[in-house]
Amino acid sequence: MDMGRESRWEKDAMTVEIVFALVTAVVLAGVVFAVAWTLVQALDLSGSAEKRVLVVGALLGAVAGVWRLVRVLLRFDRQRRMGH
């Protein structure tokens, strides 16, 4: 085995982890936005209040998605460096 080069298995594991991180980040962002949309519907908001709640929901969803993506990838990198 060539030291310093990743095996095919390691490359496949990285690909799977990246896809997992992306999918879960998108799902989390969607759930956060759906909560904001549900709030708008439940409270029967309209006009600028509706727009503000949806914009805040979109921003919070984006932040949550990026947080999830970074967290999963950092955890994977830490485990990979430990040899797991």
PDB file of N, CA and C in Angstrom:
ATOM      1  N   MET A   1       0.844  -1.183   0.000  1.00  0.00           N
ATOM      2  CA  MET A   1       0.000   0.000   0.000  1.00  0.00           C
ATOM      3  C   MET A   1       0.879   1.233   0.000  1.00  0.00           C
ATOM      4  N   ASP A   2       0.483   2.217  -0.707  1.00  0.00           N
ATOM      5  CA  ASP A   2       1.243   3.445  -0.845  1.00  0.00           C
ATOM      6  C   ASP A   2       0.868   4.406   0.279  1.00  0.00           C
ATOM      7  N   MET A   3       1.784   4.676   1.181  1.00  0.00           N
ATOM      8  CA  MET A   3       1.495   5.570   2.307  1.00  0.00           C
ATOM      9  C   MET A   3       1.286   6.993   1.780  1.00  0.00           C
ATOM     10  N   GLY A   4       0.324   7.687   2.354  1.00  0.00           N
ATOM     11  CA  GLY A   4       0.032   9.048   1.939  1.00  0.00           C
ATOM     12  C   GLY A   4      -1.047   9.129   0.880  1.00  0.00           C
ATOM     13  N   ARG A   5      -1.409   8.015   0.328  1.00  0.00           N
ATOM     14  CA  ARG A   5      -2.480   7.992  -0.670  1.00  0.00           C
ATOM     15  C   ARG A   5      -3.684   7.270  -0.086  1.00  0.00           C
ATOM     16  N   GLU A   6      -4.851   7.768  -0.425  1.00  0.00           N
ATOM     17  CA  GLU A   6      -6.062   7.158   0.111  1.00  0.00           C
ATOM     18  C   GLU A   6      -6.461   5.939  -0.716  1.00  0.00           C
ATOM     19  N   SER A   7      -6.936   4.936  -0.024  1.00  0.00           N
ATOM     20  CA  SER A   7      -7.422   3.754  -0.717  1.00  0.00           C
ATOM     21  C   SER A   7      -8.770   4.059  -1.361  1.00  0.00           C
ATOM     22  N   ARG A   8      -9.193   3.169  -2.224  1.00  0.00           N
ATOM     23  CA  ARG A   8     -10.492   3.325  -2.881  1.00  0.00           C
ATOM     24  C   ARG A   8     -11.615   3.346  -1.843  1.00  0.00           C
ATOM     25  N   TRP A   9     -11.478   2.496  -0.805  1.00  0.00           N
ATOM     26  CA  TRP A   9     -12.481   2.439   0.250  1.00  0.00           C
ATOM     27  C   TRP A   9     -12.576   3.784   0.969  1.00  0.00           C
ATOM     28  N   GLU A  10     -11.430   4.409   1.249  1.00  0.00           N
ATOM     29  CA  GLU A  10     -11.423   5.699   1.946  1.00  0.00           C
ATOM     30  C   GLU A  10     -12.067   6.789   1.088  1.00  0.00           C
ATOM     31  N   LYS A  11     -11.798   6.758  -0.208  1.00  0.00           N
ATOM     32  CA  LYS A  11     -12.417   7.736  -1.106  1.00  0.00           C
ATOM     33  C   LYS A  11     -13.929   7.533  -1.167  1.00  0.00           C
ATOM     34  N   ASP A  12     -14.356   6.267  -1.222  1.00  0.00           N
ATOM     35  CA  ASP A  12     -15.789   5.987  -1.230  1.00  0.00           C
ATOM     36  C   ASP A  12     -16.446   6.434   0.075  1.00  0.00           C
ATOM     37  N   ALA A  13     -15.775   6.198   1.195  1.00  0.00           N
ATOM     38  CA  ALA A  13     -16.310   6.614   2.492  1.00  0.00           C
ATOM     39  C   ALA A  13     -16.446   8.131   2.556  1.00  0.00           C
ATOM     40  N   MET A  14     -15.473   8.855   2.012  1.00  0.00           N
ATOM     41  CA  MET A  14     -15.554  10.321   1.988  1.00  0.00           C
ATOM     42  C   MET A  14     -16.723  10.786   1.137  1.00  0.00           C
ATOM     43  N   THR A  15     -16.919  10.139  -0.005  1.00  0.00           N
ATOM     44  CA  THR A  15     -18.024  10.506  -0.890  1.00  0.00           C
ATOM     45  C   THR A  15     -19.365  10.283  -0.197  1.00  0.00           C
ATOM     46  N   VAL A  16     -19.513   9.153   0.446  1.00  0.00           N
ATOM     47  CA  VAL A  16     -20.756   8.852   1.151  1.00  0.00           C
ATOM     48  C   VAL A  16     -20.994   9.868   2.261  1.00  0.00           C
ATOM     49  N   GLU A  17     -19.956  10.212   2.990  1.00  0.00           N
ATOM     50  CA  GLU A  17     -20.106  11.164   4.097  1.00  0.00           C
ATOM     51  C   GLU A  17     -20.469  12.556   3.593  1.00  0.00           C
ATOM     52  N   ILE A  18     -19.887  12.967   2.478  1.00  0.00           N
ATOM     53  CA  ILE A  18     -20.207  14.277   1.901  1.00  0.00           C
ATOM     54  C   ILE A  18     -21.665  14.314   1.450  1.00  0.00           C
ATOM     55  N   VAL A  19     -22.108  13.262   0.777  1.00  0.00           N
ATOM     56  CA  VAL A  19     -23.501  13.207   0.328  1.00  0.00           C
ATOM     57  C   VAL A  19     -24.442  13.192   1.531  1.00  0.00           C
ATOM     58  N   PHE A  20     -24.104  12.412   2.559  1.00  0.00           N
ATOM     59  CA  PHE A  20     -24.911  12.377   3.782  1.00  0.00           C
ATOM     60  C   PHE A  20     -24.998  13.771   4.401  1.00  0.00           C
ATOM     61  N   ALA A  21     -23.865  14.462   4.481  1.00  0.00           N
ATOM     62  CA  ALA A  21     -23.845  15.805   5.070  1.00  0.00           C
ATOM     63  C   ALA A  21     -24.715  16.764   4.261  1.00  0.00           C
ATOM     64  N   LEU A  22     -24.609  16.708   2.944  1.00  0.00           N
ATOM     65  CA  LEU A  22     -25.407  17.595   2.102  1.00  0.00           C
ATOM     66  C   LEU A  22     -26.903  17.307   2.218  1.00  0.00           C
ATOM     67  N   VAL A  23     -27.269  16.038   2.172  1.00  0.00           N
ATOM     68  CA  VAL A  23     -28.695  15.681   2.236  1.00  0.00           C
ATOM     69  C   VAL A  23     -29.293  16.076   3.580  1.00  0.00           C
ATOM     70  N   THR A  24     -28.601  15.766   4.666  1.00  0.00           N
ATOM     71  CA  THR A  24     -29.151  16.113   5.980  1.00  0.00           C
ATOM     72  C   THR A  24     -29.184  17.620   6.194  1.00  0.00           C
ATOM     73  N   ALA A  25     -28.229  18.343   5.617  1.00  0.00           N
ATOM     74  CA  ALA A  25     -28.237  19.802   5.724  1.00  0.00           C
ATOM     75  C   ALA A  25     -29.437  20.391   4.990  1.00  0.00           C
ATOM     76  N   VAL A  26     -29.715  19.868   3.804  1.00  0.00           N
ATOM     77  CA  VAL A  26     -30.859  20.361   3.036  1.00  0.00           C
ATOM     78  C   VAL A  26     -32.172  20.023   3.748  1.00  0.00           C
ATOM     79  N   VAL A  27     -32.270  18.826   4.291  1.00  0.00           N
ATOM     80  CA  VAL A  27     -33.489  18.433   5.008  1.00  0.00           C
ATOM     81  C   VAL A  27     -33.693  19.326   6.230  1.00  0.00           C
ATOM     82  N   LEU A  28     -32.632  19.557   6.994  1.00  0.00           N
ATOM     83  CA  LEU A  28     -32.744  20.420   8.177  1.00  0.00           C
ATOM     84  C   LEU A  28     -33.162  21.833   7.783  1.00  0.00           C
ATOM     85  N   ALA A  29     -32.549  22.382   6.743  1.00  0.00           N
ATOM     86  CA  ALA A  29     -32.912  23.723   6.287  1.00  0.00           C
ATOM     87  C   ALA A  29     -34.383  23.761   5.860  1.00  0.00           C
ATOM     88  N   GLY A  30     -34.827  22.720   5.172  1.00  0.00           N
ATOM     89  CA  GLY A  30     -36.221  22.652   4.748  1.00  0.00           C
ATOM     90  C   GLY A  30     -37.188  22.568   5.909  1.00  0.00           C
ATOM     91  N   VAL A  31     -36.823  21.809   6.922  1.00  0.00           N
ATOM     92  CA  VAL A  31     -37.681  21.684   8.106  1.00  0.00           C
ATOM     93  C   VAL A  31     -37.793  23.026   8.828  1.00  0.00           C
ATOM     94  N   VAL A  32     -36.679  23.718   8.977  1.00  0.00           N
ATOM     95  CA  VAL A  32     -36.714  25.027   9.653  1.00  0.00           C
ATOM     96  C   VAL A  32     -37.587  26.002   8.869  1.00  0.00           C
ATOM     97  N   PHE A  33     -37.435  26.014   7.539  1.00  0.00           N
ATOM     98  CA  PHE A  33     -38.271  26.905   6.732  1.00  0.00           C
ATOM     99  C   PHE A  33     -39.743  26.490   6.808  1.00  0.00           C
ATOM    100  N   ALA A  34     -40.010  25.188   6.817  1.00  0.00           N
ATOM    101  CA  ALA A  34     -41.392  24.695   6.908  1.00  0.00           C
ATOM    102  C   ALA A  34     -42.045  25.133   8.215  1.00  0.00           C
ATOM    103  N   VAL A  35     -41.274  25.173   9.280  1.00  0.00           N
ATOM    104  CA  VAL A  35     -41.814  25.651  10.562  1.00  0.00           C
ATOM    105  C   VAL A  35     -42.218  27.122  10.432  1.00  0.00           C
ATOM    106  N   ALA A  36     -41.377  27.918   9.771  1.00  0.00           N
ATOM    107  CA  ALA A  36     -41.710  29.332   9.580  1.00  0.00           C
ATOM    108  C   ALA A  36     -42.961  29.474   8.711  1.00  0.00           C
ATOM    109  N   TRP A  37     -43.047  28.680   7.645  1.00  0.00           N
ATOM    110  CA  TRP A  37     -44.210  28.737   6.763  1.00  0.00           C
ATOM    111  C   TRP A  37     -45.487  28.316   7.505  1.00  0.00           C
ATOM    112  N   THR A  38     -45.354  27.265   8.325  1.00  0.00           N
ATOM    113  CA  THR A  38     -46.490  26.804   9.119  1.00  0.00           C
ATOM    114  C   THR A  38     -46.934  27.881  10.102  1.00  0.00           C
ATOM    115  N   LEU A  39     -45.986  28.572  10.682  1.00  0.00           N
ATOM    116  CA  LEU A  39     -46.299  29.673  11.598  1.00  0.00           C
ATOM    117  C   LEU A  39     -47.082  30.770  10.878  1.00  0.00           C
ATOM    118  N   VAL A  40     -46.651  31.101   9.678  1.00  0.00           N
ATOM    119  CA  VAL A  40     -47.362  32.113   8.880  1.00  0.00           C
ATOM    120  C   VAL A  40     -48.790  31.663   8.617  1.00  0.00           C
ATOM    121  N   GLN A  41     -48.957  30.390   8.259  1.00  0.00           N
ATOM    122  CA  GLN A  41     -50.300  29.876   7.957  1.00  0.00           C
ATOM    123  C   GLN A  41     -51.170  29.811   9.220  1.00  0.00           C
ATOM    124  N   ALA A  42     -50.569  29.350  10.320  1.00  0.00           N
ATOM    125  CA  ALA A  42     -51.336  29.182  11.556  1.00  0.00           C
ATOM    126  C   ALA A  42     -51.786  30.524  12.131  1.00  0.00           C
ATOM    127  N   LEU A  43     -50.939  31.525  12.029  1.00  0.00           N
ATOM    128  CA  LEU A  43     -51.276  32.842  12.567  1.00  0.00           C
ATOM    129  C   LEU A  43     -51.976  33.728  11.553  1.00  0.00           C
ATOM    130  N   ASP A  44     -52.161  33.215  10.348  1.00  0.00           N
ATOM    131  CA  ASP A  44     -52.822  33.944   9.266  1.00  0.00           C
ATOM    132  C   ASP A  44     -52.183  35.322   9.044  1.00  0.00           C
ATOM    133  N   LEU A  45     -50.847  35.311   8.951  1.00  0.00           N
ATOM    134  CA  LEU A  45     -50.118  36.551   8.718  1.00  0.00           C
ATOM    135  C   LEU A  45     -50.196  36.920   7.246  1.00  0.00           C
ATOM    136  N   SER A  46     -50.075  38.208   6.973  1.00  0.00           N
ATOM    137  CA  SER A  46     -50.064  38.668   5.586  1.00  0.00           C
ATOM    138  C   SER A  46     -49.203  39.924   5.496  1.00  0.00           C
ATOM    139  N   GLY A  47     -48.886  40.289   4.293  1.00  0.00           N
ATOM    140  CA  GLY A  47     -48.126  41.515   4.064  1.00  0.00           C
ATOM    141  C   GLY A  47     -46.702  41.425   4.554  1.00  0.00           C
ATOM    142  N   SER A  48     -46.267  42.507   5.182  1.00  0.00           N
ATOM    143  CA  SER A  48     -44.869  42.588   5.600  1.00  0.00           C
ATOM    144  C   SER A  48     -44.546  41.617   6.735  1.00  0.00           C
ATOM    145  N   ALA A  49     -45.508  41.316   7.586  1.00  0.00           N
ATOM    146  CA  ALA A  49     -45.262  40.359   8.676  1.00  0.00           C
ATOM    147  C   ALA A  49     -44.995  38.974   8.097  1.00  0.00           C
ATOM    148  N   GLU A  50     -45.772  38.582   7.107  1.00  0.00           N
ATOM    149  CA  GLU A  50     -45.565  37.288   6.452  1.00  0.00           C
ATOM    150  C   GLU A  50     -44.182  37.237   5.806  1.00  0.00           C
ATOM    151  N   LYS A  51     -43.841  38.289   5.101  1.00  0.00           N
ATOM    152  CA  LYS A  51     -42.541  38.341   4.417  1.00  0.00           C
ATOM    153  C   LYS A  51     -41.396  38.251   5.416  1.00  0.00           C
ATOM    154  N   ARG A  52     -41.490  39.004   6.514  1.00  0.00           N
ATOM    155  CA  ARG A  52     -40.429  38.985   7.524  1.00  0.00           C
ATOM    156  C   ARG A  52     -40.251  37.604   8.136  1.00  0.00           C
ATOM    157  N   VAL A  53     -41.347  36.956   8.481  1.00  0.00           N
ATOM    158  CA  VAL A  53     -41.265  35.624   9.088  1.00  0.00           C
ATOM    159  C   VAL A  53     -40.646  34.631   8.107  1.00  0.00           C
ATOM    160  N   LEU A  54     -41.035  34.705   6.843  1.00  0.00           N
ATOM    161  CA  LEU A  54     -40.483  33.788   5.846  1.00  0.00           C
ATOM    162  C   LEU A  54     -39.001  34.064   5.573  1.00  0.00           C
ATOM    163  N   VAL A  55     -38.607  35.325   5.562  1.00  0.00           N
ATOM    164  CA  VAL A  55     -37.190  35.663   5.365  1.00  0.00           C
ATOM    165  C   VAL A  55     -36.363  35.178   6.553  1.00  0.00           C
ATOM    166  N   VAL A  56     -36.864  35.397   7.754  1.00  0.00           N
ATOM    167  CA  VAL A  56     -36.160  34.911   8.946  1.00  0.00           C
ATOM    168  C   VAL A  56     -36.098  33.384   8.928  1.00  0.00           C
ATOM    169  N   GLY A  57     -37.171  32.738   8.531  1.00  0.00           N
ATOM    170  CA  GLY A  57     -37.175  31.279   8.422  1.00  0.00           C
ATOM    171  C   GLY A  57     -36.162  30.778   7.410  1.00  0.00           C
ATOM    172  N   ALA A  58     -36.061  31.459   6.280  1.00  0.00           N
ATOM    173  CA  ALA A  58     -35.087  31.079   5.255  1.00  0.00           C
ATOM    174  C   ALA A  58     -33.659  31.285   5.759  1.00  0.00           C
ATOM    175  N   LEU A  59     -33.432  32.395   6.435  1.00  0.00           N
ATOM    176  CA  LEU A  59     -32.083  32.656   6.970  1.00  0.00           C
ATOM    177  C   LEU A  59     -31.706  31.644   8.051  1.00  0.00           C
ATOM    178  N   LEU A  60     -32.643  31.382   8.960  1.00  0.00           N
ATOM    179  CA  LEU A  60     -32.371  30.388  10.003  1.00  0.00           C
ATOM    180  C   LEU A  60     -32.173  28.996   9.402  1.00  0.00           C
ATOM    181  N   GLY A  61     -32.936  28.681   8.376  1.00  0.00           N
ATOM    182  CA  GLY A  61     -32.774  27.405   7.690  1.00  0.00           C
ATOM    183  C   GLY A  61     -31.405  27.288   7.043  1.00  0.00           C
ATOM    184  N   ALA A  62     -30.965  28.354   6.404  1.00  0.00           N
ATOM    185  CA  ALA A  62     -29.647  28.347   5.775  1.00  0.00           C
ATOM    186  C   ALA A  62     -28.538  28.196   6.810  1.00  0.00           C
ATOM    187  N   VAL A  63     -28.659  28.913   7.908  1.00  0.00           N
ATOM    188  CA  VAL A  63     -27.660  28.809   8.975  1.00  0.00           C
ATOM    189  C   VAL A  63     -27.640  27.398   9.566  1.00  0.00           C
ATOM    190  N   ALA A  64     -28.819  26.851   9.814  1.00  0.00           N
ATOM    191  CA  ALA A  64     -28.896  25.487  10.368  1.00  0.00           C
ATOM    192  C   ALA A  64     -28.315  24.473   9.392  1.00  0.00           C
ATOM    193  N   GLY A  65     -28.584  24.647   8.107  1.00  0.00           N
ATOM    194  CA  GLY A  65     -28.048  23.735   7.099  1.00  0.00           C
ATOM    195  C   GLY A  65     -26.534  23.783   7.022  1.00  0.00           C
ATOM    196  N   VAL A  66     -25.982  24.977   7.019  1.00  0.00           N
ATOM    197  CA  VAL A  66     -24.516  25.113   6.977  1.00  0.00           C
ATOM    198  C   VAL A  66     -23.900  24.550   8.252  1.00  0.00           C
ATOM    199  N   TRP A  67     -24.525  24.816   9.396  1.00  0.00           N
ATOM    200  CA  TRP A  67     -24.030  24.272  10.670  1.00  0.00           C
ATOM    201  C   TRP A  67     -23.994  22.751  10.615  1.00  0.00           C
ATOM    202  N   ARG A  68     -25.057  22.143  10.114  1.00  0.00           N
ATOM    203  CA  ARG A  68     -25.116  20.679  10.022  1.00  0.00           C
ATOM    204  C   ARG A  68     -24.040  20.146   9.080  1.00  0.00           C
ATOM    205  N   LEU A  69     -23.877  20.779   7.946  1.00  0.00           N
ATOM    206  CA  LEU A  69     -22.876  20.354   6.967  1.00  0.00           C
ATOM    207  C   LEU A  69     -21.477  20.383   7.572  1.00  0.00           C
ATOM    208  N   VAL A  70     -21.127  21.483   8.191  1.00  0.00           N
ATOM    209  CA  VAL A  70     -19.793  21.626   8.788  1.00  0.00           C
ATOM    210  C   VAL A  70     -19.606  20.634   9.931  1.00  0.00           C
ATOM    211  N   ARG A  71     -20.614  20.484  10.755  1.00  0.00           N
ATOM    212  CA  ARG A  71     -20.513  19.575  11.908  1.00  0.00           C
ATOM    213  C   ARG A  71     -20.277  18.130  11.474  1.00  0.00           C
ATOM    214  N   VAL A  72     -21.023  17.663  10.479  1.00  0.00           N
ATOM    215  CA  VAL A  72     -20.875  16.290  10.008  1.00  0.00           C
ATOM    216  C   VAL A  72     -19.496  16.079   9.385  1.00  0.00           C
ATOM    217  N   LEU A  73     -19.063  17.019   8.564  1.00  0.00           N
ATOM    218  CA  LEU A  73     -17.768  16.845   7.900  1.00  0.00           C
ATOM    219  C   LEU A  73     -16.596  16.937   8.877  1.00  0.00           C
ATOM    220  N   LEU A  74     -16.689  17.810   9.870  1.00  0.00           N
ATOM    221  CA  LEU A  74     -15.628  17.878  10.880  1.00  0.00           C
ATOM    222  C   LEU A  74     -15.574  16.611  11.723  1.00  0.00           C
ATOM    223  N   ARG A  75     -16.739  16.074  12.073  1.00  0.00           N
ATOM    224  CA  ARG A  75     -16.784  14.833  12.833  1.00  0.00           C
ATOM    225  C   ARG A  75     -16.165  13.690  12.028  1.00  0.00           C
ATOM    226  N   PHE A  76     -16.490  13.613  10.744  1.00  0.00           N
ATOM    227  CA  PHE A  76     -15.927  12.570   9.891  1.00  0.00           C
ATOM    228  C   PHE A  76     -14.409  12.711   9.799  1.00  0.00           C
ATOM    229  N   ASP A  77     -13.926  13.931   9.625  1.00  0.00           N
ATOM    230  CA  ASP A  77     -12.482  14.158   9.520  1.00  0.00           C
ATOM    231  C   ASP A  77     -11.777  13.762  10.826  1.00  0.00           C
ATOM    232  N   ARG A  78     -12.379  14.101  11.949  1.00  0.00           N
ATOM    233  CA  ARG A  78     -11.786  13.754  13.239  1.00  0.00           C
ATOM    234  C   ARG A  78     -11.716  12.226  13.393  1.00  0.00           C
ATOM    235  N   GLN A  79     -12.780  11.516  13.023  1.00  0.00           N
ATOM    236  CA  GLN A  79     -12.783  10.063  13.110  1.00  0.00           C
ATOM    237  C   GLN A  79     -11.783   9.437  12.151  1.00  0.00           C
ATOM    238  N   ARG A  80     -11.669  10.022  10.970  1.00  0.00           N
ATOM    239  CA  ARG A  80     -10.723   9.494   9.978  1.00  0.00           C
ATOM    240  C   ARG A  80      -9.287   9.663  10.471  1.00  0.00           C
ATOM    241  N   ARG A  81      -8.987  10.776  11.078  1.00  0.00           N
ATOM    242  CA  ARG A  81      -7.632  11.004  11.588  1.00  0.00           C
ATOM    243  C   ARG A  81      -7.288  10.078  12.761  1.00  0.00           C
ATOM    244  N   MET A  82      -8.330   9.677  13.515  1.00  0.00           N
ATOM    245  CA  MET A  82      -8.102   8.761  14.636  1.00  0.00           C
ATOM    246  C   MET A  82      -7.972   7.314  14.163  1.00  0.00           C
ATOM    247  N   GLY A  83      -8.315   7.080  12.897  1.00  0.00           N
ATOM    248  CA  GLY A  83      -8.165   5.744  12.348  1.00  0.00           C
ATOM    249  C   GLY A  83      -9.404   4.885  12.392  1.00  0.00           C
ATOM    250  N   HIS A  84     -10.565   5.482  12.622  1.00  0.00           N
ATOM    251  CA  HIS A  84     -11.813   4.714  12.683  1.00  0.00           C
ATOM    252  C   HIS A  84     -12.419   4.569  11.336  1.00  0.00           C
TER     253      HIS A  84
END
